[in-house]
Structures are given as structure tokens and as C-alpha cells.
Amino acid sequence: MSLWRIRIAMSDDRRSQELLEEALAGQRVCSRMKSPHDSEMTVDLIIELADVTGLSALLGRLHVISPQVFVSSADQSSPLTAVTAVPLERPQRNVTQKRRVPAPARRAYSES
């Protein structure tokens, strides 16, 4: 079984919500979150699929509802789920130590 994270931006009308329910019928939805935005909404889903070929059929049904469908792997083994935060701080430099810069080489001056 594989987990898939899906985000769909869609209209917040009754028909679009019915189409979403029809598209998800028979799917194992592990997580679902709606975020309303005026007359639109964003739905975030995590779906468990037994077969990856079922993903393309599901995405086809979701694209009937909205052209804005985003998908990524949500498996624990996926490198997409292992994103770590990297601090954006600059390393502190020890200001008490002076940086030594080599003196320029001197050339011998000759009078000819």
C-alpha cells in the first residue's frame, strides 16, 4: 500500500463537493482537511492506494472537478517526506582572532 498526498483547489459549491465525494468513493482516505477561501476552497487529502495504477484514474476524476490538482508521495520511505529544516543563520565568526594575510612578496630593486 502506498500513501499519496493530494491537494485540489476547487469551487465551494454543492455540485463540486458532490463530485469530490463521488471521486473518493471506495478510496481509503487517511486524512482530509478543507480550507475555505471566499467562493473557493482547498482540500488536502492523504489517500492509501493498494495499486499505483489506481492513482491515475483518481487524478482523472479529480481533474474533472478542477484543473488544479497537486500530488506527491506521502510514504514514510519517500525522500519527499523526509524534508528537514535547515537553519538560515550565518555561522558566528570569532571576532577576537585576527585574520592573517600574507604580506606581498618584495622584488629586489636594481639600478642598472
Protein backbone atom coordinates (compact mmCIF):
# COMPACT_ATOMS: atom_id res chain seq x y z
CA MET A 1 0.00 0.00 0.00
CA SER A 2 1.24 3.48 -0.79
CA LEU A 3 0.23 6.84 0.64
CA TRP A 4 -0.39 9.86 -1.58
CA ARG A 5 -0.81 13.48 -0.60
CA ILE A 6 -3.30 15.26 -2.88
CA ARG A 7 -4.34 18.92 -2.89
CA ILE A 8 -7.22 20.15 -5.01
CA ALA A 9 -8.32 23.78 -5.37
CA MET A 10 -11.99 23.79 -6.27
CA SER A 11 -15.21 25.76 -6.21
CA ASP A 12 -17.05 25.78 -2.88
CA ASP A 13 -20.41 24.88 -4.42
CA ARG A 14 -22.59 21.88 -3.69
CA ARG A 15 -22.04 20.20 -7.09
CA SER A 16 -18.23 20.31 -6.82
CA GLN A 17 -18.41 18.79 -3.36
CA GLU A 18 -20.70 16.02 -4.66
CA LEU A 19 -18.24 15.30 -7.49
CA LEU A 20 -15.40 15.12 -4.95
CA GLU A 21 -17.38 12.64 -2.83
CA GLU A 22 -18.05 10.52 -5.93
CA ALA A 23 -14.35 10.60 -6.92
CA LEU A 24 -13.30 9.50 -3.44
CA ALA A 25 -15.95 6.77 -3.13
CA GLY A 26 -14.25 3.47 -2.42
CA GLN A 27 -10.90 5.11 -1.62
CA ARG A 28 -9.27 4.83 1.77
CA VAL A 29 -8.86 8.46 2.88
CA CYS A 30 -6.49 8.68 5.85
CA SER A 31 -6.69 12.43 6.31
CA ARG A 32 -8.86 15.22 4.94
CA MET A 33 -8.73 18.95 5.56
CA LYS A 34 -10.75 21.75 3.95
CA SER A 35 -9.60 25.37 3.81
CA PRO A 36 -12.30 27.78 2.59
CA HIS A 37 -11.29 30.87 0.56
CA ASP A 38 -14.24 33.12 -0.44
CA SER A 39 -16.11 31.14 -3.14
CA GLU A 40 -13.32 28.56 -3.47
CA MET A 41 -11.74 26.03 -1.18
CA THR A 42 -8.65 23.88 -0.97
CA VAL A 43 -8.96 20.25 0.06
CA ASP A 44 -5.87 18.39 1.32
CA LEU A 45 -6.09 14.60 1.36
CA ILE A 46 -3.86 11.69 2.24
CA ILE A 47 -5.04 8.58 0.45
CA GLU A 48 -3.84 4.99 0.76
CA LEU A 49 -3.83 3.09 -2.53
CA ALA A 50 -3.15 -0.60 -3.00
CA ASP A 51 -2.04 -0.10 -6.59
CA VAL A 52 -0.34 2.90 -8.22
CA THR A 53 -2.43 2.43 -11.37
CA GLY A 54 -5.46 3.50 -9.33
CA LEU A 55 -3.79 6.86 -8.82
CA SER A 56 -4.10 7.86 -12.48
CA ALA A 57 -7.81 7.03 -12.53
CA LEU A 58 -8.37 9.02 -9.33
CA LEU A 59 -6.43 12.00 -10.69
CA GLY A 60 -8.53 11.87 -13.86
CA ARG A 61 -11.73 12.08 -11.80
CA LEU A 62 -10.30 14.96 -9.74
CA HIS A 63 -9.27 16.88 -12.86
CA VAL A 64 -12.94 16.87 -13.94
CA ILE A 65 -13.62 18.92 -10.79
CA SER A 66 -10.62 21.26 -11.06
CA PRO A 67 -7.54 21.75 -13.23
CA GLN A 68 -5.55 22.49 -10.06
CA VAL A 69 -4.72 19.07 -8.61
CA PHE A 70 -1.34 18.53 -6.97
CA VAL A 71 0.00 15.14 -5.93
CA SER A 72 3.08 13.90 -4.06
CA SER A 73 4.14 10.73 -2.33
CA ALA A 74 3.40 10.58 1.39
CA ASP A 75 5.12 7.24 2.07
CA GLN A 76 7.48 7.15 5.03
CA SER A 77 10.20 5.77 2.75
CA SER A 78 9.81 8.63 0.29
CA PRO A 79 12.51 11.30 0.32
CA LEU A 80 9.73 13.88 -0.08
CA THR A 81 8.51 13.21 3.46
CA ALA A 82 11.98 13.39 4.97
CA VAL A 83 12.45 17.11 4.48
CA THR A 84 14.35 18.68 7.33
CA ALA A 85 14.55 22.32 8.24
CA VAL A 86 17.93 23.90 7.76
CA PRO A 87 18.68 26.99 9.85
CA LEU A 88 19.42 30.06 7.80
CA GLU A 89 21.75 31.62 10.34
CA ARG A 90 25.27 32.51 9.36
CA PRO A 91 27.94 30.83 11.45
CA GLN A 92 29.36 33.07 14.11
CA ARG A 93 32.93 34.11 13.41
CA ASN A 94 35.25 34.55 16.32
CA VAL A 95 35.97 38.28 16.21
CA THR A 96 38.85 38.09 18.67
CA GLN A 97 41.02 36.19 16.23
CA LYS A 98 42.73 38.31 13.62
CA ARG A 99 42.90 37.02 10.15
CA ARG A 100 46.45 36.82 8.90
CA VAL A 101 47.03 37.97 5.37
CA PRO A 102 50.44 37.23 3.89
CA ALA A 103 52.49 40.29 3.02
CA PRO A 104 53.11 40.83 -0.69
CA ALA A 105 56.40 39.49 -1.96
CA ARG A 106 59.12 42.13 -2.38
CA ARG A 107 61.13 42.31 -5.52
CA ALA A 108 64.72 43.28 -5.48
CA TYR A 109 65.29 46.71 -6.95
CA SER A 110 68.39 47.04 -9.01
CA GLU A 111 69.91 50.12 -10.57
CA SER A 112 71.31 49.30 -13.92
